[in-house]
Amino acid sequence: KASGTALLVVGHVTKDGQIAGPKQVEHLVDAVLYFEGERGHHFRVLRGVKNRFGATDEIGVFEMTGKGLSEVANPSALFLGDRNSISPGNAVFAGLEGTRPMLMEIQALVAAPSFGTPRRAVVGWDSSRLAMILAVLDARGGLGMGGHDVYLNVAGGLKVGEPAADL
């Protein structure tokens, strides 16, 4: 650091996104950054999970261009679906990613089960939170969600962890 150079350590990441092997690699470095994003999307989210000298809840959004990765000035536009039509099951959520307010579209579909056991498919959100919300809707709202397939997606491949998204 005294000479103005930095050392970049690259480690292996498991299928579920955790650093493989002992935590020694994570303890050696000042910051751990992950590039997140779906394979078919042209943008990536850079998320810090460890930062010895600053916050870890900030994100950066980048898109691949002909000149390499470029910063996305308005990431909310990426995480909103087609807003020209009003579709049932879509809701725009204003949440915080670190200190950055962002608009995200959460899409949900409830359908009759195609097989005997109802299916739950979740992309970009915590599946256990969905199970809890469905249980509350079933028990307190009397909606009978237990016998239906439920699909939930956060548009654009963003992962939402904010509890306010439950609404």
N, C-alpha and C. Protein backbone atom coordinates (compact mmCIF):
# COMPACT_ATOMS: atom_id res chain seq x y z
N LYS A 1 0.82 -1.19 0.00
CA LYS A 1 0.00 0.00 0.00
C LYS A 1 0.86 1.26 0.00
N ALA A 2 2.01 1.22 0.62
CA ALA A 2 2.84 2.41 0.70
C ALA A 2 3.28 2.88 -0.68
N SER A 3 3.50 1.96 -1.60
CA SER A 3 3.93 2.33 -2.94
C SER A 3 2.76 2.62 -3.87
N GLY A 4 1.53 2.54 -3.37
CA GLY A 4 0.36 2.83 -4.18
C GLY A 4 -0.15 1.63 -4.96
N THR A 5 0.36 0.44 -4.69
CA THR A 5 -0.12 -0.74 -5.38
C THR A 5 -1.05 -1.52 -4.48
N ALA A 6 -1.86 -2.34 -5.08
CA ALA A 6 -2.79 -3.17 -4.32
C ALA A 6 -2.61 -4.61 -4.75
N LEU A 7 -2.89 -5.52 -3.87
CA LEU A 7 -2.83 -6.94 -4.16
C LEU A 7 -4.25 -7.46 -4.28
N LEU A 8 -4.55 -8.12 -5.36
CA LEU A 8 -5.87 -8.67 -5.61
C LEU A 8 -5.80 -10.17 -5.39
N VAL A 9 -6.63 -10.69 -4.47
CA VAL A 9 -6.68 -12.12 -4.19
C VAL A 9 -8.00 -12.65 -4.74
N VAL A 10 -7.93 -13.67 -5.55
CA VAL A 10 -9.12 -14.27 -6.14
C VAL A 10 -9.30 -15.65 -5.53
N GLY A 11 -10.52 -15.94 -5.05
CA GLY A 11 -10.81 -17.23 -4.45
C GLY A 11 -11.96 -17.91 -5.15
N HIS A 12 -12.19 -19.15 -4.79
CA HIS A 12 -13.27 -19.94 -5.38
C HIS A 12 -14.57 -19.66 -4.64
N VAL A 13 -15.67 -19.61 -5.39
CA VAL A 13 -16.99 -19.39 -4.82
C VAL A 13 -17.84 -20.62 -5.11
N THR A 14 -18.57 -21.10 -4.10
CA THR A 14 -19.41 -22.28 -4.25
C THR A 14 -20.68 -21.94 -5.02
N LYS A 15 -21.49 -22.96 -5.31
CA LYS A 15 -22.73 -22.77 -6.06
C LYS A 15 -23.71 -21.83 -5.37
N ASP A 16 -23.72 -21.83 -4.04
CA ASP A 16 -24.64 -20.95 -3.33
C ASP A 16 -24.04 -19.59 -3.03
N GLY A 17 -22.86 -19.28 -3.59
CA GLY A 17 -22.29 -17.93 -3.50
C GLY A 17 -21.39 -17.67 -2.32
N GLN A 18 -21.01 -18.69 -1.58
CA GLN A 18 -20.13 -18.51 -0.44
C GLN A 18 -18.68 -18.76 -0.85
N ILE A 19 -17.75 -18.14 -0.13
CA ILE A 19 -16.34 -18.39 -0.40
C ILE A 19 -16.03 -19.82 0.03
N ALA A 20 -15.43 -20.60 -0.89
CA ALA A 20 -15.14 -22.00 -0.61
C ALA A 20 -13.92 -22.13 0.29
N GLY A 21 -13.86 -23.23 0.99
CA GLY A 21 -12.71 -23.52 1.83
C GLY A 21 -12.77 -22.78 3.15
N PRO A 22 -11.64 -22.76 3.84
CA PRO A 22 -11.61 -22.10 5.14
C PRO A 22 -11.80 -20.58 4.99
N LYS A 23 -12.24 -19.96 6.04
CA LYS A 23 -12.49 -18.52 6.04
C LYS A 23 -11.20 -17.71 6.05
N GLN A 24 -10.06 -18.36 5.96
CA GLN A 24 -8.79 -17.65 5.99
C GLN A 24 -8.67 -16.65 4.85
N VAL A 25 -9.16 -17.01 3.67
CA VAL A 25 -9.08 -16.10 2.53
C VAL A 25 -9.86 -14.82 2.85
N GLU A 26 -11.04 -14.97 3.44
CA GLU A 26 -11.85 -13.80 3.77
C GLU A 26 -11.20 -12.95 4.85
N HIS A 27 -10.49 -13.57 5.78
CA HIS A 27 -9.84 -12.83 6.86
C HIS A 27 -8.57 -12.12 6.39
N LEU A 28 -7.98 -12.56 5.30
CA LEU A 28 -6.75 -11.95 4.80
C LEU A 28 -6.95 -10.60 4.14
N VAL A 29 -8.14 -10.34 3.65
CA VAL A 29 -8.35 -9.18 2.80
C VAL A 29 -9.12 -8.08 3.52
N ASP A 30 -9.06 -6.87 2.95
CA ASP A 30 -9.78 -5.73 3.51
C ASP A 30 -11.22 -5.68 3.03
N ALA A 31 -11.49 -6.20 1.84
CA ALA A 31 -12.84 -6.14 1.29
C ALA A 31 -13.12 -7.41 0.48
N VAL A 32 -14.37 -7.87 0.55
CA VAL A 32 -14.83 -8.99 -0.28
C VAL A 32 -15.98 -8.45 -1.11
N LEU A 33 -15.84 -8.55 -2.44
CA LEU A 33 -16.84 -8.04 -3.37
C LEU A 33 -17.35 -9.18 -4.24
N TYR A 34 -18.65 -9.17 -4.50
CA TYR A 34 -19.27 -10.17 -5.36
C TYR A 34 -19.92 -9.47 -6.55
N PHE A 35 -19.76 -10.06 -7.73
CA PHE A 35 -20.55 -9.66 -8.89
C PHE A 35 -21.75 -10.57 -8.92
N GLU A 36 -22.95 -9.99 -8.89
CA GLU A 36 -24.18 -10.75 -8.94
C GLU A 36 -24.91 -10.44 -10.24
N GLY A 37 -25.74 -11.34 -10.67
CA GLY A 37 -26.55 -11.09 -11.85
C GLY A 37 -26.93 -12.38 -12.53
N GLU A 38 -28.02 -12.33 -13.25
CA GLU A 38 -28.50 -13.49 -13.97
C GLU A 38 -27.75 -13.64 -15.28
N ARG A 39 -27.59 -14.85 -15.72
CA ARG A 39 -26.82 -15.16 -16.93
C ARG A 39 -27.34 -14.42 -18.16
N GLY A 40 -28.64 -14.30 -18.32
CA GLY A 40 -29.20 -13.69 -19.51
C GLY A 40 -29.26 -12.17 -19.48
N HIS A 41 -28.89 -11.56 -18.37
CA HIS A 41 -28.97 -10.11 -18.25
C HIS A 41 -27.63 -9.48 -18.60
N HIS A 42 -27.65 -8.28 -19.15
CA HIS A 42 -26.43 -7.60 -19.58
C HIS A 42 -25.82 -6.73 -18.49
N PHE A 43 -26.35 -6.76 -17.28
CA PHE A 43 -25.79 -5.95 -16.21
C PHE A 43 -25.40 -6.82 -15.03
N ARG A 44 -24.57 -6.27 -14.17
CA ARG A 44 -24.11 -6.96 -12.97
C ARG A 44 -24.17 -6.00 -11.79
N VAL A 45 -24.43 -6.55 -10.62
CA VAL A 45 -24.44 -5.79 -9.39
C VAL A 45 -23.18 -6.14 -8.62
N LEU A 46 -22.42 -5.13 -8.24
CA LEU A 46 -21.23 -5.31 -7.43
C LEU A 46 -21.63 -5.03 -6.00
N ARG A 47 -21.53 -6.08 -5.15
CA ARG A 47 -21.98 -5.97 -3.75
C ARG A 47 -20.82 -6.30 -2.83
N GLY A 48 -20.59 -5.44 -1.86
CA GLY A 48 -19.56 -5.69 -0.86
C GLY A 48 -20.14 -6.45 0.32
N VAL A 49 -19.50 -7.54 0.72
CA VAL A 49 -19.97 -8.30 1.87
C VAL A 49 -19.02 -8.14 3.06
N LYS A 50 -17.82 -7.64 2.78
CA LYS A 50 -16.89 -7.32 3.86
C LYS A 50 -16.12 -6.09 3.43
N ASN A 51 -16.05 -5.11 4.30
CA ASN A 51 -15.27 -3.91 4.03
C ASN A 51 -14.73 -3.41 5.35
N ARG A 52 -13.46 -3.59 5.55
CA ARG A 52 -12.84 -3.23 6.81
C ARG A 52 -12.90 -1.73 7.07
N PHE A 53 -12.98 -0.92 6.02
CA PHE A 53 -12.89 0.52 6.17
C PHE A 53 -14.17 1.27 5.79
N GLY A 54 -15.26 0.57 5.57
CA GLY A 54 -16.49 1.25 5.18
C GLY A 54 -17.70 0.34 5.26
N ALA A 55 -18.80 0.82 4.70
CA ALA A 55 -20.07 0.08 4.76
C ALA A 55 -20.06 -1.09 3.79
N THR A 56 -20.84 -2.12 4.12
CA THR A 56 -20.95 -3.30 3.26
C THR A 56 -22.29 -3.37 2.56
N ASP A 57 -23.20 -2.47 2.85
CA ASP A 57 -24.53 -2.57 2.26
C ASP A 57 -24.70 -1.71 1.01
N GLU A 58 -23.64 -1.17 0.48
CA GLU A 58 -23.70 -0.38 -0.75
C GLU A 58 -23.56 -1.30 -1.96
N ILE A 59 -24.15 -0.90 -3.07
CA ILE A 59 -24.01 -1.66 -4.31
C ILE A 59 -23.61 -0.73 -5.44
N GLY A 60 -23.04 -1.30 -6.46
CA GLY A 60 -22.78 -0.60 -7.71
C GLY A 60 -23.42 -1.42 -8.82
N VAL A 61 -24.02 -0.77 -9.79
CA VAL A 61 -24.68 -1.47 -10.89
C VAL A 61 -23.92 -1.12 -12.18
N PHE A 62 -23.52 -2.16 -12.90
CA PHE A 62 -22.73 -2.00 -14.12
C PHE A 62 -23.38 -2.78 -15.25
N GLU A 63 -23.18 -2.30 -16.48
CA GLU A 63 -23.65 -3.03 -17.65
C GLU A 63 -22.48 -3.25 -18.59
N MET A 64 -22.55 -4.36 -19.32
CA MET A 64 -21.49 -4.67 -20.27
C MET A 64 -21.78 -3.95 -21.57
N THR A 65 -20.82 -3.17 -22.01
CA THR A 65 -20.93 -2.45 -23.28
C THR A 65 -19.78 -2.89 -24.18
N GLY A 66 -19.71 -2.34 -25.36
CA GLY A 66 -18.62 -2.65 -26.28
C GLY A 66 -17.27 -2.20 -25.77
N LYS A 67 -17.27 -1.28 -24.81
CA LYS A 67 -16.02 -0.76 -24.23
C LYS A 67 -15.72 -1.37 -22.86
N GLY A 68 -16.48 -2.39 -22.46
CA GLY A 68 -16.28 -3.01 -21.16
C GLY A 68 -17.41 -2.65 -20.20
N LEU A 69 -17.17 -2.81 -18.90
CA LEU A 69 -18.19 -2.50 -17.90
C LEU A 69 -18.33 -1.00 -17.73
N SER A 70 -19.57 -0.53 -17.72
CA SER A 70 -19.87 0.88 -17.51
C SER A 70 -20.88 1.02 -16.39
N GLU A 71 -20.74 2.07 -15.60
CA GLU A 71 -21.66 2.32 -14.51
C GLU A 71 -23.04 2.66 -15.05
N VAL A 72 -24.08 2.16 -14.39
CA VAL A 72 -25.46 2.50 -14.75
C VAL A 72 -25.88 3.67 -13.88
N ALA A 73 -26.22 4.79 -14.52
CA ALA A 73 -26.55 6.01 -13.78
C ALA A 73 -27.90 5.89 -13.06
N ASN A 74 -28.88 5.23 -13.67
CA ASN A 74 -30.21 5.09 -13.08
C ASN A 74 -30.56 3.61 -12.97
N PRO A 75 -30.10 2.92 -11.92
CA PRO A 75 -30.37 1.49 -11.83
C PRO A 75 -31.84 1.14 -11.65
N SER A 76 -32.65 2.06 -11.16
CA SER A 76 -34.07 1.76 -10.99
C SER A 76 -34.72 1.39 -12.31
N ALA A 77 -34.27 2.00 -13.40
CA ALA A 77 -34.84 1.70 -14.72
C ALA A 77 -34.60 0.24 -15.11
N LEU A 78 -33.49 -0.33 -14.64
CA LEU A 78 -33.20 -1.74 -14.96
C LEU A 78 -34.10 -2.70 -14.21
N PHE A 79 -34.47 -2.33 -13.00
CA PHE A 79 -35.19 -3.26 -12.14
C PHE A 79 -36.70 -3.08 -12.20
N LEU A 80 -37.17 -2.32 -13.17
CA LEU A 80 -38.60 -2.19 -13.40
C LEU A 80 -38.94 -2.87 -14.71
N GLY A 81 -39.99 -3.64 -14.72
CA GLY A 81 -40.43 -4.31 -15.94
C GLY A 81 -41.10 -3.32 -16.88
N ASP A 82 -41.89 -3.83 -17.80
CA ASP A 82 -42.61 -3.00 -18.76
C ASP A 82 -43.71 -2.25 -18.02
N ARG A 83 -43.55 -0.96 -17.87
CA ARG A 83 -44.51 -0.16 -17.11
C ARG A 83 -45.60 0.44 -18.00
N ASN A 84 -45.63 0.08 -19.28
CA ASN A 84 -46.65 0.61 -20.18
C ASN A 84 -48.01 -0.05 -19.97
N SER A 85 -47.99 -1.25 -19.43
CA SER A 85 -49.26 -1.94 -19.21
C SER A 85 -49.41 -2.26 -17.72
N ILE A 86 -50.65 -2.28 -17.29
CA ILE A 86 -50.93 -2.61 -15.89
C ILE A 86 -51.27 -4.09 -15.84
N SER A 87 -50.47 -4.84 -15.14
CA SER A 87 -50.68 -6.28 -15.02
C SER A 87 -50.93 -6.64 -13.57
N PRO A 88 -51.91 -7.50 -13.31
CA PRO A 88 -52.11 -7.93 -11.93
C PRO A 88 -50.91 -8.74 -11.45
N GLY A 89 -50.58 -8.60 -10.19
CA GLY A 89 -49.47 -9.35 -9.62
C GLY A 89 -48.15 -8.61 -9.64
N ASN A 90 -48.10 -7.41 -10.20
CA ASN A 90 -46.88 -6.62 -10.23
C ASN A 90 -47.00 -5.46 -9.26
N ALA A 91 -45.94 -5.24 -8.50
CA ALA A 91 -45.90 -4.12 -7.56
C ALA A 91 -44.53 -3.48 -7.60
N VAL A 92 -44.51 -2.15 -7.60
CA VAL A 92 -43.25 -1.42 -7.54
C VAL A 92 -42.94 -1.13 -6.09
N PHE A 93 -41.74 -1.47 -5.69
CA PHE A 93 -41.30 -1.31 -4.31
C PHE A 93 -40.16 -0.30 -4.28
N ALA A 94 -40.28 0.70 -3.43
CA ALA A 94 -39.21 1.69 -3.24
C ALA A 94 -38.43 1.27 -2.00
N GLY A 95 -37.23 0.78 -2.22
CA GLY A 95 -36.41 0.30 -1.12
C GLY A 95 -35.03 0.92 -1.14
N LEU A 96 -34.26 0.59 -0.15
CA LEU A 96 -32.89 1.09 -0.05
C LEU A 96 -31.91 -0.04 -0.26
N GLU A 97 -30.92 0.21 -1.07
CA GLU A 97 -29.75 -0.66 -1.19
C GLU A 97 -28.60 0.16 -0.68
N GLY A 98 -28.24 -0.05 0.58
CA GLY A 98 -27.26 0.82 1.23
C GLY A 98 -27.90 2.16 1.48
N THR A 99 -27.32 3.22 0.93
CA THR A 99 -27.91 4.55 1.07
C THR A 99 -28.60 4.99 -0.20
N ARG A 100 -28.65 4.10 -1.20
CA ARG A 100 -29.23 4.44 -2.50
C ARG A 100 -30.68 3.99 -2.57
N PRO A 101 -31.62 4.95 -2.73
CA PRO A 101 -33.02 4.53 -2.94
C PRO A 101 -33.17 3.97 -4.35
N MET A 102 -33.89 2.87 -4.44
CA MET A 102 -34.09 2.22 -5.75
C MET A 102 -35.52 1.75 -5.87
N LEU A 103 -36.03 1.81 -7.09
CA LEU A 103 -37.34 1.24 -7.40
C LEU A 103 -37.12 -0.14 -7.96
N MET A 104 -37.87 -1.11 -7.44
CA MET A 104 -37.77 -2.50 -7.89
C MET A 104 -39.17 -3.02 -8.15
N GLU A 105 -39.31 -3.86 -9.14
CA GLU A 105 -40.61 -4.46 -9.42
C GLU A 105 -40.62 -5.89 -8.89
N ILE A 106 -41.63 -6.18 -8.08
CA ILE A 106 -41.81 -7.53 -7.56
C ILE A 106 -43.03 -8.12 -8.27
N GLN A 107 -42.83 -9.28 -8.88
CA GLN A 107 -43.87 -9.93 -9.66
C GLN A 107 -44.30 -11.21 -8.96
N ALA A 108 -45.60 -11.41 -8.83
CA ALA A 108 -46.11 -12.61 -8.17
C ALA A 108 -47.24 -13.21 -9.00
N LEU A 109 -47.30 -14.53 -8.96
CA LEU A 109 -48.35 -15.26 -9.67
C LEU A 109 -48.82 -16.39 -8.77
N VAL A 110 -50.13 -16.48 -8.60
CA VAL A 110 -50.74 -17.58 -7.85
C VAL A 110 -51.58 -18.36 -8.85
N ALA A 111 -51.36 -19.68 -8.89
CA ALA A 111 -52.06 -20.51 -9.88
C ALA A 111 -52.50 -21.81 -9.23
N ALA A 112 -53.47 -22.46 -9.88
CA ALA A 112 -53.89 -23.78 -9.42
C ALA A 112 -52.72 -24.74 -9.58
N PRO A 113 -52.55 -25.67 -8.65
CA PRO A 113 -51.38 -26.56 -8.72
C PRO A 113 -51.44 -27.46 -9.95
N SER A 114 -50.30 -27.59 -10.61
CA SER A 114 -50.23 -28.45 -11.77
C SER A 114 -50.01 -29.91 -11.38
N PHE A 115 -49.48 -30.13 -10.21
CA PHE A 115 -49.29 -31.47 -9.66
C PHE A 115 -49.98 -31.52 -8.31
N GLY A 116 -49.88 -32.62 -7.61
CA GLY A 116 -50.54 -32.78 -6.32
C GLY A 116 -50.04 -31.83 -5.25
N THR A 117 -48.73 -31.62 -5.20
CA THR A 117 -48.14 -30.77 -4.17
C THR A 117 -47.94 -29.37 -4.72
N PRO A 118 -48.43 -28.34 -4.03
CA PRO A 118 -48.23 -26.97 -4.51
C PRO A 118 -46.74 -26.61 -4.58
N ARG A 119 -46.40 -25.84 -5.59
CA ARG A 119 -45.01 -25.46 -5.83
C ARG A 119 -44.78 -24.01 -5.42
N ARG A 120 -43.60 -23.75 -4.88
CA ARG A 120 -43.18 -22.39 -4.53
C ARG A 120 -41.87 -22.13 -5.27
N ALA A 121 -41.84 -21.14 -6.13
CA ALA A 121 -40.63 -20.77 -6.86
C ALA A 121 -40.34 -19.31 -6.59
N VAL A 122 -39.12 -19.03 -6.11
CA VAL A 122 -38.75 -17.68 -5.70
C VAL A 122 -37.42 -17.32 -6.35
N VAL A 123 -37.37 -16.12 -6.97
CA VAL A 123 -36.13 -15.61 -7.55
C VAL A 123 -35.92 -14.19 -7.02
N GLY A 124 -34.80 -13.98 -6.34
CA GLY A 124 -34.45 -12.64 -5.86
C GLY A 124 -35.00 -12.28 -4.50
N TRP A 125 -35.59 -13.24 -3.82
CA TRP A 125 -36.17 -12.96 -2.51
C TRP A 125 -36.01 -14.19 -1.65
N ASP A 126 -36.13 -14.07 -0.36
CA ASP A 126 -35.95 -15.18 0.57
C ASP A 126 -37.19 -16.08 0.57
N SER A 127 -36.99 -17.36 0.25
CA SER A 127 -38.13 -18.28 0.16
C SER A 127 -38.79 -18.53 1.51
N SER A 128 -38.05 -18.45 2.61
CA SER A 128 -38.66 -18.65 3.92
C SER A 128 -39.55 -17.47 4.30
N ARG A 129 -39.21 -16.27 3.83
CA ARG A 129 -40.07 -15.11 4.06
C ARG A 129 -41.39 -15.27 3.30
N LEU A 130 -41.30 -15.79 2.07
CA LEU A 130 -42.52 -16.05 1.29
C LEU A 130 -43.40 -17.07 2.01
N ALA A 131 -42.79 -18.12 2.54
CA ALA A 131 -43.57 -19.14 3.26
C ALA A 131 -44.28 -18.53 4.47
N MET A 132 -43.61 -17.63 5.17
CA MET A 132 -44.22 -16.98 6.34
C MET A 132 -45.38 -16.08 5.92
N ILE A 133 -45.20 -15.31 4.86
CA ILE A 133 -46.26 -14.42 4.40
C ILE A 133 -47.47 -15.23 3.92
N LEU A 134 -47.22 -16.32 3.21
CA LEU A 134 -48.32 -17.17 2.75
C LEU A 134 -49.07 -17.79 3.92
N ALA A 135 -48.34 -18.17 4.97
CA ALA A 135 -48.97 -18.73 6.16
C ALA A 135 -49.86 -17.68 6.84
N VAL A 136 -49.40 -16.43 6.91
CA VAL A 136 -50.20 -15.36 7.51
C VAL A 136 -51.43 -15.08 6.65
N LEU A 137 -51.26 -15.03 5.34
CA LEU A 137 -52.41 -14.81 4.45
C LEU A 137 -53.43 -15.94 4.57
N ASP A 138 -52.94 -17.14 4.78
CA ASP A 138 -53.81 -18.30 4.92
C ASP A 138 -54.56 -18.27 6.26
N ALA A 139 -53.80 -18.05 7.35
CA ALA A 139 -54.39 -18.12 8.69
C ALA A 139 -55.22 -16.89 9.03
N ARG A 140 -54.72 -15.71 8.76
CA ARG A 140 -55.41 -14.47 9.16
C ARG A 140 -56.32 -13.91 8.06
N GLY A 141 -55.93 -14.10 6.81
CA GLY A 141 -56.72 -13.55 5.70
C GLY A 141 -57.72 -14.52 5.11
N GLY A 142 -57.57 -15.81 5.45
CA GLY A 142 -58.49 -16.82 4.94
C GLY A 142 -58.43 -16.98 3.43
N LEU A 143 -57.26 -16.75 2.82
CA LEU A 143 -57.15 -16.81 1.37
C LEU A 143 -56.90 -18.21 0.82
N GLY A 144 -56.61 -19.18 1.66
CA GLY A 144 -56.41 -20.55 1.19
C GLY A 144 -55.21 -20.70 0.27
N MET A 145 -54.10 -20.10 0.62
CA MET A 145 -52.91 -20.13 -0.23
C MET A 145 -52.20 -21.47 -0.21
N GLY A 146 -52.47 -22.29 0.78
CA GLY A 146 -51.76 -23.56 0.94
C GLY A 146 -51.95 -24.53 -0.21
N GLY A 147 -53.03 -24.40 -0.97
CA GLY A 147 -53.29 -25.34 -2.05
C GLY A 147 -52.98 -24.81 -3.44
N HIS A 148 -52.23 -23.71 -3.53
CA HIS A 148 -51.93 -23.10 -4.83
C HIS A 148 -50.43 -23.02 -5.07
N ASP A 149 -50.05 -23.04 -6.35
CA ASP A 149 -48.67 -22.74 -6.73
C ASP A 149 -48.45 -21.25 -6.57
N VAL A 150 -47.28 -20.87 -6.07
CA VAL A 150 -46.94 -19.46 -5.92
C VAL A 150 -45.57 -19.23 -6.52
N TYR A 151 -45.50 -18.26 -7.43
CA TYR A 151 -44.25 -17.88 -8.09
C TYR A 151 -43.98 -16.42 -7.77
N LEU A 152 -42.76 -16.12 -7.33
CA LEU A 152 -42.39 -14.75 -6.99
C LEU A 152 -41.05 -14.43 -7.64
N ASN A 153 -40.96 -13.27 -8.26
CA ASN A 153 -39.75 -12.86 -8.97
C ASN A 153 -39.49 -11.38 -8.73
N VAL A 154 -38.23 -11.03 -8.53
CA VAL A 154 -37.83 -9.64 -8.50
C VAL A 154 -37.27 -9.33 -9.88
N ALA A 155 -37.91 -8.42 -10.60
CA ALA A 155 -37.53 -8.12 -11.99
C ALA A 155 -36.09 -7.66 -12.07
N GLY A 156 -35.41 -8.11 -13.09
CA GLY A 156 -34.04 -7.68 -13.32
C GLY A 156 -33.00 -8.51 -12.62
N GLY A 157 -33.41 -9.48 -11.81
CA GLY A 157 -32.46 -10.35 -11.15
C GLY A 157 -31.85 -9.80 -9.88
N LEU A 158 -32.38 -8.69 -9.37
CA LEU A 158 -31.88 -8.11 -8.12
C LEU A 158 -32.32 -8.98 -6.95
N LYS A 159 -31.51 -9.04 -5.92
CA LYS A 159 -31.85 -9.75 -4.70
C LYS A 159 -32.26 -8.74 -3.65
N VAL A 160 -33.52 -8.86 -3.17
CA VAL A 160 -34.05 -7.91 -2.20
C VAL A 160 -34.01 -8.55 -0.81
N GLY A 161 -33.41 -7.85 0.14
CA GLY A 161 -33.36 -8.35 1.50
C GLY A 161 -34.09 -7.46 2.50
N GLU A 162 -34.59 -6.35 2.05
CA GLU A 162 -35.23 -5.39 2.94
C GLU A 162 -36.58 -5.91 3.44
N PRO A 163 -36.82 -5.93 4.75
CA PRO A 163 -38.08 -6.45 5.29
C PRO A 163 -39.31 -5.68 4.82
N ALA A 164 -39.17 -4.43 4.43
CA ALA A 164 -40.33 -3.65 3.97
C ALA A 164 -40.90 -4.22 2.68
N ALA A 165 -40.15 -5.03 1.97
CA ALA A 165 -40.64 -5.64 0.72
C ALA A 165 -41.74 -6.66 1.00
N ASP A 166 -41.89 -7.07 2.24
CA ASP A 166 -42.95 -8.02 2.60
C ASP A 166 -44.34 -7.49 2.25
N LEU A 167 -44.50 -6.21 2.34
CA LEU A 167 -45.82 -5.61 2.04
C LEU A 167 -46.16 -5.76 0.58
